[in-house]
Amino acid sequence: MDKQENQENPNHQHNIEISYRKIFSRLNTRKKFVIQSIEGTTVTVEQDEEICGQKEPRLFVLNSEKELETFVTQENQFERDINSQLSGDSMPYR
């Protein structure tokens, strides 16, 4: 039984990785994000951020497909909000 489980597990892990990469590919932002690792159902995403010329990478550890979807949705919404403020006629400071 253990042998059979071990044979199915790599395939299951491969399917999780494909699913996570599909979700991650929907990320549409100017920020630079990369998948640092996928271990089991946990995905670690790194944001390559530069503050005052210093690289300040930020790590996001997401423990499920749902958390990754929420992360992608929120980051895309932040980007849309910024774009709408920049392209709108009403500037936020007026």
PDB file of N, CA and C in Angstrom:
ATOM      1  N   MET A   1       0.812  -1.191   0.000  1.00  0.00           N
ATOM      2  CA  MET A   1       0.000   0.000   0.000  1.00  0.00           C
ATOM      3  C   MET A   1       0.861   1.263   0.000  1.00  0.00           C
ATOM      4  N   ASP A   2       1.914   1.280   0.817  1.00  0.00           N
ATOM      5  CA  ASP A   2       2.777   2.452   0.876  1.00  0.00           C
ATOM      6  C   ASP A   2       3.423   2.734  -0.473  1.00  0.00           C
ATOM      7  N   LYS A   3       3.775   1.652  -1.184  1.00  0.00           N
ATOM      8  CA  LYS A   3       4.410   1.808  -2.493  1.00  0.00           C
ATOM      9  C   LYS A   3       3.449   2.499  -3.466  1.00  0.00           C
ATOM     10  N   GLN A   4       2.175   2.092  -3.421  1.00  0.00           N
ATOM     11  CA  GLN A   4       1.183   2.692  -4.299  1.00  0.00           C
ATOM     12  C   GLN A   4       0.968   4.167  -3.956  1.00  0.00           C
ATOM     13  N   GLU A   5       0.904   4.495  -2.674  1.00  0.00           N
ATOM     14  CA  GLU A   5       0.731   5.882  -2.258  1.00  0.00           C
ATOM     15  C   GLU A   5       1.900   6.735  -2.731  1.00  0.00           C
ATOM     16  N   ASN A   6       3.120   6.211  -2.634  1.00  0.00           N
ATOM     17  CA  ASN A   6       4.292   6.952  -3.060  1.00  0.00           C
ATOM     18  C   ASN A   6       4.285   7.203  -4.565  1.00  0.00           C
ATOM     19  N   GLN A   7       3.711   6.248  -5.325  1.00  0.00           N
ATOM     20  CA  GLN A   7       3.637   6.441  -6.765  1.00  0.00           C
ATOM     21  C   GLN A   7       2.610   7.512  -7.111  1.00  0.00           C
ATOM     22  N   GLU A   8       1.519   7.599  -6.374  1.00  0.00           N
ATOM     23  CA  GLU A   8       0.482   8.592  -6.653  1.00  0.00           C
ATOM     24  C   GLU A   8       0.885   9.972  -6.144  1.00  0.00           C
ATOM     25  N   ASN A   9       1.615  10.028  -5.066  1.00  0.00           N
ATOM     26  CA  ASN A   9       1.962  11.297  -4.445  1.00  0.00           C
ATOM     27  C   ASN A   9       2.736  12.236  -5.372  1.00  0.00           C
ATOM     28  N   PRO A  10       3.773  11.777  -6.094  1.00  0.00           N
ATOM     29  CA  PRO A  10       4.466  12.699  -6.990  1.00  0.00           C
ATOM     30  C   PRO A  10       3.542  13.257  -8.069  1.00  0.00           C
ATOM     31  N   ASN A  11       2.634  12.441  -8.562  1.00  0.00           N
ATOM     32  CA  ASN A  11       1.684  12.912  -9.567  1.00  0.00           C
ATOM     33  C   ASN A  11       0.755  13.959  -8.976  1.00  0.00           C
ATOM     34  N   HIS A  12       0.297  13.712  -7.760  1.00  0.00           N
ATOM     35  CA  HIS A  12      -0.572  14.675  -7.063  1.00  0.00           C
ATOM     36  C   HIS A  12       0.180  15.991  -6.836  1.00  0.00           C
ATOM     37  N   GLN A  13       1.440  15.895  -6.419  1.00  0.00           N
ATOM     38  CA  GLN A  13       2.264  17.092  -6.203  1.00  0.00           C
ATOM     39  C   GLN A  13       2.438  17.851  -7.511  1.00  0.00           C
ATOM     40  N   HIS A  14       2.638  17.117  -8.598  1.00  0.00           N
ATOM     41  CA  HIS A  14       2.798  17.735  -9.918  1.00  0.00           C
ATOM     42  C   HIS A  14       1.528  18.493 -10.301  1.00  0.00           C
ATOM     43  N   ASN A  15       0.361  17.905 -10.025  1.00  0.00           N
ATOM     44  CA  ASN A  15      -0.914  18.555 -10.329  1.00  0.00           C
ATOM     45  C   ASN A  15      -1.094  19.824  -9.496  1.00  0.00           C
ATOM     46  N   ILE A  16      -0.692  19.781  -8.230  1.00  0.00           N
ATOM     47  CA  ILE A  16      -0.773  20.967  -7.368  1.00  0.00           C
ATOM     48  C   ILE A  16       0.114  22.061  -7.944  1.00  0.00           C
ATOM     49  N   GLU A  17       1.320  21.712  -8.340  1.00  0.00           N
ATOM     50  CA  GLU A  17       2.253  22.705  -8.891  1.00  0.00           C
ATOM     51  C   GLU A  17       1.692  23.327 -10.169  1.00  0.00           C
ATOM     52  N   ILE A  18       1.128  22.524 -11.048  1.00  0.00           N
ATOM     53  CA  ILE A  18       0.527  23.048 -12.280  1.00  0.00           C
ATOM     54  C   ILE A  18      -0.609  24.000 -11.943  1.00  0.00           C
ATOM     55  N   SER A  19      -1.459  23.602 -11.004  1.00  0.00           N
ATOM     56  CA  SER A  19      -2.591  24.432 -10.598  1.00  0.00           C
ATOM     57  C   SER A  19      -2.112  25.761 -10.019  1.00  0.00           C
ATOM     58  N   TYR A  20      -1.106  25.718  -9.136  1.00  0.00           N
ATOM     59  CA  TYR A  20      -0.585  26.940  -8.527  1.00  0.00           C
ATOM     60  C   TYR A  20       0.037  27.851  -9.577  1.00  0.00           C
ATOM     61  N   ARG A  21       0.763  27.285 -10.530  1.00  0.00           N
ATOM     62  CA  ARG A  21       1.388  28.104 -11.566  1.00  0.00           C
ATOM     63  C   ARG A  21       0.347  28.751 -12.479  1.00  0.00           C
ATOM     64  N   LYS A  22      -0.767  28.061 -12.736  1.00  0.00           N
ATOM     65  CA  LYS A  22      -1.858  28.648 -13.537  1.00  0.00           C
ATOM     66  C   LYS A  22      -2.459  29.850 -12.807  1.00  0.00           C
ATOM     67  N   ILE A  23      -2.713  29.680 -11.517  1.00  0.00           N
ATOM     68  CA  ILE A  23      -3.266  30.782 -10.717  1.00  0.00           C
ATOM     69  C   ILE A  23      -2.274  31.937 -10.686  1.00  0.00           C
ATOM     70  N   PHE A  24      -1.006  31.631 -10.450  1.00  0.00           N
ATOM     71  CA  PHE A  24       0.040  32.661 -10.363  1.00  0.00           C
ATOM     72  C   PHE A  24       0.178  33.415 -11.683  1.00  0.00           C
ATOM     73  N   SER A  25      -0.031  32.740 -12.802  1.00  0.00           N
ATOM     74  CA  SER A  25       0.107  33.385 -14.112  1.00  0.00           C
ATOM     75  C   SER A  25      -0.968  34.451 -14.342  1.00  0.00           C
ATOM     76  N   ARG A  26      -2.041  34.423 -13.560  1.00  0.00           N
ATOM     77  CA  ARG A  26      -3.093  35.448 -13.668  1.00  0.00           C
ATOM     78  C   ARG A  26      -2.708  36.750 -12.960  1.00  0.00           C
ATOM     79  N   LEU A  27      -1.572  36.734 -12.273  1.00  0.00           N
ATOM     80  CA  LEU A  27      -1.097  37.928 -11.574  1.00  0.00           C
ATOM     81  C   LEU A  27      -0.689  38.963 -12.616  1.00  0.00           C
ATOM     82  N   ASN A  28      -1.326  40.131 -12.575  1.00  0.00           N
ATOM     83  CA  ASN A  28      -1.097  41.160 -13.581  1.00  0.00           C
ATOM     84  C   ASN A  28      -0.780  42.475 -12.871  1.00  0.00           C
ATOM     85  N   THR A  29       0.479  42.648 -12.517  1.00  0.00           N
ATOM     86  CA  THR A  29       0.886  43.820 -11.752  1.00  0.00           C
ATOM     87  C   THR A  29       2.303  44.228 -12.144  1.00  0.00           C
ATOM     88  N   ARG A  30       2.640  45.482 -11.866  1.00  0.00           N
ATOM     89  CA  ARG A  30       3.996  45.955 -12.156  1.00  0.00           C
ATOM     90  C   ARG A  30       4.998  45.464 -11.116  1.00  0.00           C
ATOM     91  N   LYS A  31       4.497  45.021  -9.976  1.00  0.00           N
ATOM     92  CA  LYS A  31       5.383  44.470  -8.954  1.00  0.00           C
ATOM     93  C   LYS A  31       5.988  43.175  -9.483  1.00  0.00           C
ATOM     94  N   LYS A  32       7.189  42.880  -9.035  1.00  0.00           N
ATOM     95  CA  LYS A  32       7.870  41.664  -9.483  1.00  0.00           C
ATOM     96  C   LYS A  32       7.703  40.568  -8.442  1.00  0.00           C
ATOM     97  N   PHE A  33       6.963  39.536  -8.811  1.00  0.00           N
ATOM     98  CA  PHE A  33       6.743  38.387  -7.943  1.00  0.00           C
ATOM     99  C   PHE A  33       7.290  37.136  -8.618  1.00  0.00           C
ATOM    100  N   VAL A  34       7.854  36.237  -7.830  1.00  0.00           N
ATOM    101  CA  VAL A  34       8.276  34.925  -8.320  1.00  0.00           C
ATOM    102  C   VAL A  34       7.880  33.867  -7.299  1.00  0.00           C
ATOM    103  N   ILE A  35       7.599  32.672  -7.805  1.00  0.00           N
ATOM    104  CA  ILE A  35       7.351  31.548  -6.901  1.00  0.00           C
ATOM    105  C   ILE A  35       8.707  31.051  -6.450  1.00  0.00           C
ATOM    106  N   GLN A  36       8.951  31.143  -5.158  1.00  0.00           N
ATOM    107  CA  GLN A  36      10.229  30.691  -4.612  1.00  0.00           C
ATOM    108  C   GLN A  36      10.224  29.180  -4.404  1.00  0.00           C
ATOM    109  N   SER A  37       9.110  28.650  -3.898  1.00  0.00           N
ATOM    110  CA  SER A  37       9.025  27.205  -3.701  1.00  0.00           C
ATOM    111  C   SER A  37       7.574  26.763  -3.568  1.00  0.00           C
ATOM    112  N   ILE A  38       7.366  25.490  -3.886  1.00  0.00           N
ATOM    113  CA  ILE A  38       6.076  24.831  -3.661  1.00  0.00           C
ATOM    114  C   ILE A  38       6.387  23.532  -2.937  1.00  0.00           C
ATOM    115  N   GLU A  39       5.917  23.438  -1.709  1.00  0.00           N
ATOM    116  CA  GLU A  39       6.143  22.242  -0.891  1.00  0.00           C
ATOM    117  C   GLU A  39       4.805  21.765  -0.366  1.00  0.00           C
ATOM    118  N   GLY A  40       4.362  20.630  -0.869  1.00  0.00           N
ATOM    119  CA  GLY A  40       3.035  20.153  -0.480  1.00  0.00           C
ATOM    120  C   GLY A  40       2.003  21.137  -1.002  1.00  0.00           C
ATOM    121  N   THR A  41       1.154  21.625  -0.107  1.00  0.00           N
ATOM    122  CA  THR A  41       0.153  22.609  -0.521  1.00  0.00           C
ATOM    123  C   THR A  41       0.582  24.032  -0.179  1.00  0.00           C
ATOM    124  N   THR A  42       1.804  24.206   0.300  1.00  0.00           N
ATOM    125  CA  THR A  42       2.305  25.526   0.681  1.00  0.00           C
ATOM    126  C   THR A  42       3.152  26.108  -0.447  1.00  0.00           C
ATOM    127  N   VAL A  43       2.820  27.320  -0.853  1.00  0.00           N
ATOM    128  CA  VAL A  43       3.595  28.009  -1.884  1.00  0.00           C
ATOM    129  C   VAL A  43       4.197  29.265  -1.255  1.00  0.00           C
ATOM    130  N   THR A  44       5.470  29.511  -1.544  1.00  0.00           N
ATOM    131  CA  THR A  44       6.146  30.703  -1.051  1.00  0.00           C
ATOM    132  C   THR A  44       6.402  31.614  -2.246  1.00  0.00           C
ATOM    133  N   VAL A  45       5.852  32.825  -2.169  1.00  0.00           N
ATOM    134  CA  VAL A  45       5.989  33.817  -3.230  1.00  0.00           C
ATOM    135  C   VAL A  45       6.896  34.920  -2.714  1.00  0.00           C
ATOM    136  N   GLU A  46       7.850  35.318  -3.546  1.00  0.00           N
ATOM    137  CA  GLU A  46       8.773  36.386  -3.173  1.00  0.00           C
ATOM    138  C   GLU A  46       8.498  37.605  -4.028  1.00  0.00           C
ATOM    139  N   GLN A  47       8.411  38.755  -3.375  1.00  0.00           N
ATOM    140  CA  GLN A  47       8.281  40.023  -4.083  1.00  0.00           C
ATOM    141  C   GLN A  47       9.646  40.688  -4.073  1.00  0.00           C
ATOM    142  N   ASP A  48      10.149  40.966  -5.246  1.00  0.00           N
ATOM    143  CA  ASP A  48      11.438  41.633  -5.381  1.00  0.00           C
ATOM    144  C   ASP A  48      11.179  43.133  -5.293  1.00  0.00           C
ATOM    145  N   GLU A  49      11.425  43.690  -4.125  1.00  0.00           N
ATOM    146  CA  GLU A  49      11.108  45.093  -3.868  1.00  0.00           C
ATOM    147  C   GLU A  49      12.398  45.857  -3.597  1.00  0.00           C
ATOM    148  N   GLU A  50      12.473  47.056  -4.150  1.00  0.00           N
ATOM    149  CA  GLU A  50      13.648  47.877  -3.923  1.00  0.00           C
ATOM    150  C   GLU A  50      13.214  49.152  -3.207  1.00  0.00           C
ATOM    151  N   ILE A  51      13.828  49.408  -2.059  1.00  0.00           N
ATOM    152  CA  ILE A  51      13.514  50.601  -1.267  1.00  0.00           C
ATOM    153  C   ILE A  51      14.799  51.390  -1.106  1.00  0.00           C
ATOM    154  N   CYS A  52      14.804  52.606  -1.608  1.00  0.00           N
ATOM    155  CA  CYS A  52      15.979  53.478  -1.527  1.00  0.00           C
ATOM    156  C   CYS A  52      17.242  52.776  -2.056  1.00  0.00           C
ATOM    157  N   GLY A  53      17.100  52.055  -3.153  1.00  0.00           N
ATOM    158  CA  GLY A  53      18.246  51.398  -3.757  1.00  0.00           C
ATOM    159  C   GLY A  53      18.657  50.094  -3.115  1.00  0.00           C
ATOM    160  N   GLN A  54      18.006  49.722  -2.028  1.00  0.00           N
ATOM    161  CA  GLN A  54      18.330  48.466  -1.338  1.00  0.00           C
ATOM    162  C   GLN A  54      17.277  47.414  -1.689  1.00  0.00           C
ATOM    163  N   LYS A  55      17.740  46.237  -2.034  1.00  0.00           N
ATOM    164  CA  LYS A  55      16.799  45.144  -2.298  1.00  0.00           C
ATOM    165  C   LYS A  55      16.206  44.677  -0.976  1.00  0.00           C
ATOM    166  N   GLU A  56      14.898  44.692  -0.916  1.00  0.00           N
ATOM    167  CA  GLU A  56      14.175  44.273   0.288  1.00  0.00           C
ATOM    168  C   GLU A  56      13.143  43.220  -0.113  1.00  0.00           C
ATOM    169  N   PRO A  57      13.571  41.979  -0.321  1.00  0.00           N
ATOM    170  CA  PRO A  57      12.595  40.961  -0.728  1.00  0.00           C
ATOM    171  C   PRO A  57      11.569  40.696   0.374  1.00  0.00           C
ATOM    172  N   ARG A  58      10.325  40.554  -0.043  1.00  0.00           N
ATOM    173  CA  ARG A  58       9.248  40.217   0.892  1.00  0.00           C
ATOM    174  C   ARG A  58       8.751  38.825   0.553  1.00  0.00           C
ATOM    175  N   LEU A  59       8.559  38.008   1.552  1.00  0.00           N
ATOM    176  CA  LEU A  59       8.064  36.659   1.344  1.00  0.00           C
ATOM    177  C   LEU A  59       6.601  36.561   1.767  1.00  0.00           C
ATOM    178  N   PHE A  60       5.835  35.860   0.971  1.00  0.00           N
ATOM    179  CA  PHE A  60       4.441  35.570   1.279  1.00  0.00           C
ATOM    180  C   PHE A  60       4.295  34.053   1.287  1.00  0.00           C
ATOM    181  N   VAL A  61       3.923  33.491   2.427  1.00  0.00           N
ATOM    182  CA  VAL A  61       3.725  32.052   2.538  1.00  0.00           C
ATOM    183  C   VAL A  61       2.223  31.795   2.509  1.00  0.00           C
ATOM    184  N   LEU A  62       1.781  31.099   1.483  1.00  0.00           N
ATOM    185  CA  LEU A  62       0.363  30.831   1.277  1.00  0.00           C
ATOM    186  C   LEU A  62       0.144  29.332   1.409  1.00  0.00           C
ATOM    187  N   ASN A  63      -0.803  28.950   2.253  1.00  0.00           N
ATOM    188  CA  ASN A  63      -0.944  27.550   2.649  1.00  0.00           C
ATOM    189  C   ASN A  63      -1.983  26.753   1.872  1.00  0.00           C
ATOM    190  N   SER A  64      -2.619  27.375   0.881  1.00  0.00           N
ATOM    191  CA  SER A  64      -3.611  26.627   0.106  1.00  0.00           C
ATOM    192  C   SER A  64      -3.833  27.314  -1.233  1.00  0.00           C
ATOM    193  N   GLU A  65      -4.508  26.596  -2.113  1.00  0.00           N
ATOM    194  CA  GLU A  65      -4.861  27.145  -3.420  1.00  0.00           C
ATOM    195  C   GLU A  65      -5.753  28.382  -3.236  1.00  0.00           C
ATOM    196  N   LYS A  66      -6.666  28.309  -2.282  1.00  0.00           N
ATOM    197  CA  LYS A  66      -7.582  29.418  -2.000  1.00  0.00           C
ATOM    198  C   LYS A  66      -6.811  30.664  -1.558  1.00  0.00           C
ATOM    199  N   GLU A  67      -5.806  30.504  -0.693  1.00  0.00           N
ATOM    200  CA  GLU A  67      -5.004  31.649  -0.248  1.00  0.00           C
ATOM    201  C   GLU A  67      -4.240  32.265  -1.415  1.00  0.00           C
ATOM    202  N   LEU A  68      -3.728  31.429  -2.324  1.00  0.00           N
ATOM    203  CA  LEU A  68      -3.022  31.950  -3.493  1.00  0.00           C
ATOM    204  C   LEU A  68      -3.979  32.723  -4.396  1.00  0.00           C
ATOM    205  N   GLU A  69      -5.180  32.190  -4.606  1.00  0.00           N
ATOM    206  CA  GLU A  69      -6.185  32.892  -5.422  1.00  0.00           C
ATOM    207  C   GLU A  69      -6.530  34.242  -4.810  1.00  0.00           C
ATOM    208  N   THR A  70      -6.716  34.277  -3.498  1.00  0.00           N
ATOM    209  CA  THR A  70      -7.026  35.530  -2.800  1.00  0.00           C
ATOM    210  C   THR A  70      -5.880  36.526  -2.956  1.00  0.00           C
ATOM    211  N   PHE A  71      -4.647  36.057  -2.803  1.00  0.00           N
ATOM    212  CA  PHE A  71      -3.459  36.900  -2.957  1.00  0.00           C
ATOM    213  C   PHE A  71      -3.412  37.515  -4.361  1.00  0.00           C
ATOM    214  N   VAL A  72      -3.599  36.689  -5.388  1.00  0.00           N
ATOM    215  CA  VAL A  72      -3.556  37.163  -6.775  1.00  0.00           C
ATOM    216  C   VAL A  72      -4.676  38.176  -7.016  1.00  0.00           C
ATOM    217  N   THR A  73      -5.872  37.883  -6.521  1.00  0.00           N
ATOM    218  CA  THR A  73      -7.009  38.788  -6.690  1.00  0.00           C
ATOM    219  C   THR A  73      -6.739  40.135  -6.025  1.00  0.00           C
ATOM    220  N   GLN A  74      -6.214  40.117  -4.801  1.00  0.00           N
ATOM    221  CA  GLN A  74      -5.936  41.368  -4.079  1.00  0.00           C
ATOM    222  C   GLN A  74      -4.858  42.192  -4.777  1.00  0.00           C
ATOM    223  N   GLU A  75      -3.783  41.543  -5.204  1.00  0.00           N
ATOM    224  CA  GLU A  75      -2.709  42.284  -5.888  1.00  0.00           C
ATOM    225  C   GLU A  75      -3.198  42.868  -7.199  1.00  0.00           C
ATOM    226  N   ASN A  76      -4.018  42.119  -7.940  1.00  0.00           N
ATOM    227  CA  ASN A  76      -4.577  42.644  -9.189  1.00  0.00           C
ATOM    228  C   ASN A  76      -5.501  43.829  -8.920  1.00  0.00           C
ATOM    229  N   GLN A  77      -6.261  43.755  -7.818  1.00  0.00           N
ATOM    230  CA  GLN A  77      -7.156  44.860  -7.463  1.00  0.00           C
ATOM    231  C   GLN A  77      -6.359  46.103  -7.082  1.00  0.00           C
ATOM    232  N   PHE A  78      -5.264  45.938  -6.327  1.00  0.00           N
ATOM    233  CA  PHE A  78      -4.399  47.078  -6.002  1.00  0.00           C
ATOM    234  C   PHE A  78      -3.906  47.746  -7.275  1.00  0.00           C
ATOM    235  N   GLU A  79      -3.495  46.938  -8.242  1.00  0.00           N
ATOM    236  CA  GLU A  79      -2.978  47.467  -9.509  1.00  0.00           C
ATOM    237  C   GLU A  79      -4.078  48.207 -10.269  1.00  0.00           C
ATOM    238  N   ARG A  80      -5.278  47.637 -10.319  1.00  0.00           N
ATOM    239  CA  ARG A  80      -6.400  48.305 -11.009  1.00  0.00           C
ATOM    240  C   ARG A  80      -6.727  49.631 -10.334  1.00  0.00           C
ATOM    241  N   ASP A  81      -6.716  49.658  -8.991  1.00  0.00           N
ATOM    242  CA  ASP A  81      -7.008  50.890  -8.262  1.00  0.00           C
ATOM    243  C   ASP A  81      -5.984  51.974  -8.589  1.00  0.00           C
ATOM    244  N   ILE A  82      -4.712  51.604  -8.623  1.00  0.00           N
ATOM    245  CA  ILE A  82      -3.654  52.571  -8.951  1.00  0.00           C
ATOM    246  C   ILE A  82      -3.842  53.085 -10.374  1.00  0.00           C
ATOM    247  N   ASN A  83      -4.109  52.181 -11.309  1.00  0.00           N
ATOM    248  CA  ASN A  83      -4.295  52.580 -12.702  1.00  0.00           C
ATOM    249  C   ASN A  83      -5.494  53.516 -12.863  1.00  0.00           C
ATOM    250  N   SER A  84      -6.582  53.231 -12.155  1.00  0.00           N
ATOM    251  CA  SER A  84      -7.764  54.085 -12.278  1.00  0.00           C
ATOM    252  C   SER A  84      -7.510  55.465 -11.674  1.00  0.00           C
ATOM    253  N   GLN A  85      -6.714  55.535 -10.606  1.00  0.00           N
ATOM    254  CA  GLN A  85      -6.376  56.831 -10.020  1.00  0.00           C
ATOM    255  C   GLN A  85      -5.481  57.628 -10.955  1.00  0.00           C
ATOM    256  N   LEU A  86      -4.522  56.960 -11.587  1.00  0.00           N
ATOM    257  CA  LEU A  86      -3.595  57.639 -12.485  1.00  0.00           C
ATOM    258  C   LEU A  86      -4.244  58.088 -13.780  1.00  0.00           C
ATOM    259  N   SER A  87      -5.221  57.337 -14.267  1.00  0.00           N
ATOM    260  CA  SER A  87      -5.823  57.664 -15.561  1.00  0.00           C
ATOM    261  C   SER A  87      -7.104  58.474 -15.420  1.00  0.00           C
ATOM    262  N   GLY A  88      -7.627  58.620 -14.206  1.00  0.00           N
ATOM    263  CA  GLY A  88      -8.881  59.331 -13.995  1.00  0.00           C
ATOM    264  C   GLY A  88      -8.718  60.838 -14.089  1.00  0.00           C
ATOM    265  N   ASP A  89      -9.842  61.515 -14.354  1.00  0.00           N
ATOM    266  CA  ASP A  89      -9.833  62.974 -14.425  1.00  0.00           C
ATOM    267  C   ASP A  89      -9.747  63.591 -13.032  1.00  0.00           C
ATOM    268  N   SER A  90     -10.320  62.928 -12.059  1.00  0.00           N
ATOM    269  CA  SER A  90     -10.293  63.492 -10.708  1.00  0.00           C
ATOM    270  C   SER A  90      -9.071  62.944  -9.959  1.00  0.00           C
ATOM    271  N   MET A  91      -8.152  63.819  -9.691  1.00  0.00           N
ATOM    272  CA  MET A  91      -6.953  63.425  -8.959  1.00  0.00           C
ATOM    273  C   MET A  91      -7.324  63.327  -7.478  1.00  0.00           C
ATOM    274  N   PRO A  92      -6.712  62.390  -6.760  1.00  0.00           N
ATOM    275  CA  PRO A  92      -7.104  62.169  -5.360  1.00  0.00           C
ATOM    276  C   PRO A  92      -6.833  63.366  -4.458  1.00  0.00           C
ATOM    277  N   TYR A  93      -5.921  64.258  -4.840  1.00  0.00           N
ATOM    278  CA  TYR A  93      -5.579  65.365  -3.960  1.00  0.00           C
ATOM    279  C   TYR A  93      -6.414  66.610  -4.223  1.00  0.00           C
ATOM    280  N   ARG A  94      -7.288  66.585  -5.204  1.00  0.00           N
ATOM    281  CA  ARG A  94      -8.120  67.777  -5.504  1.00  0.00           C
ATOM    282  C   ARG A  94      -9.342  67.834  -4.654  1.00  0.00           C
TER     283      ARG A  94
END
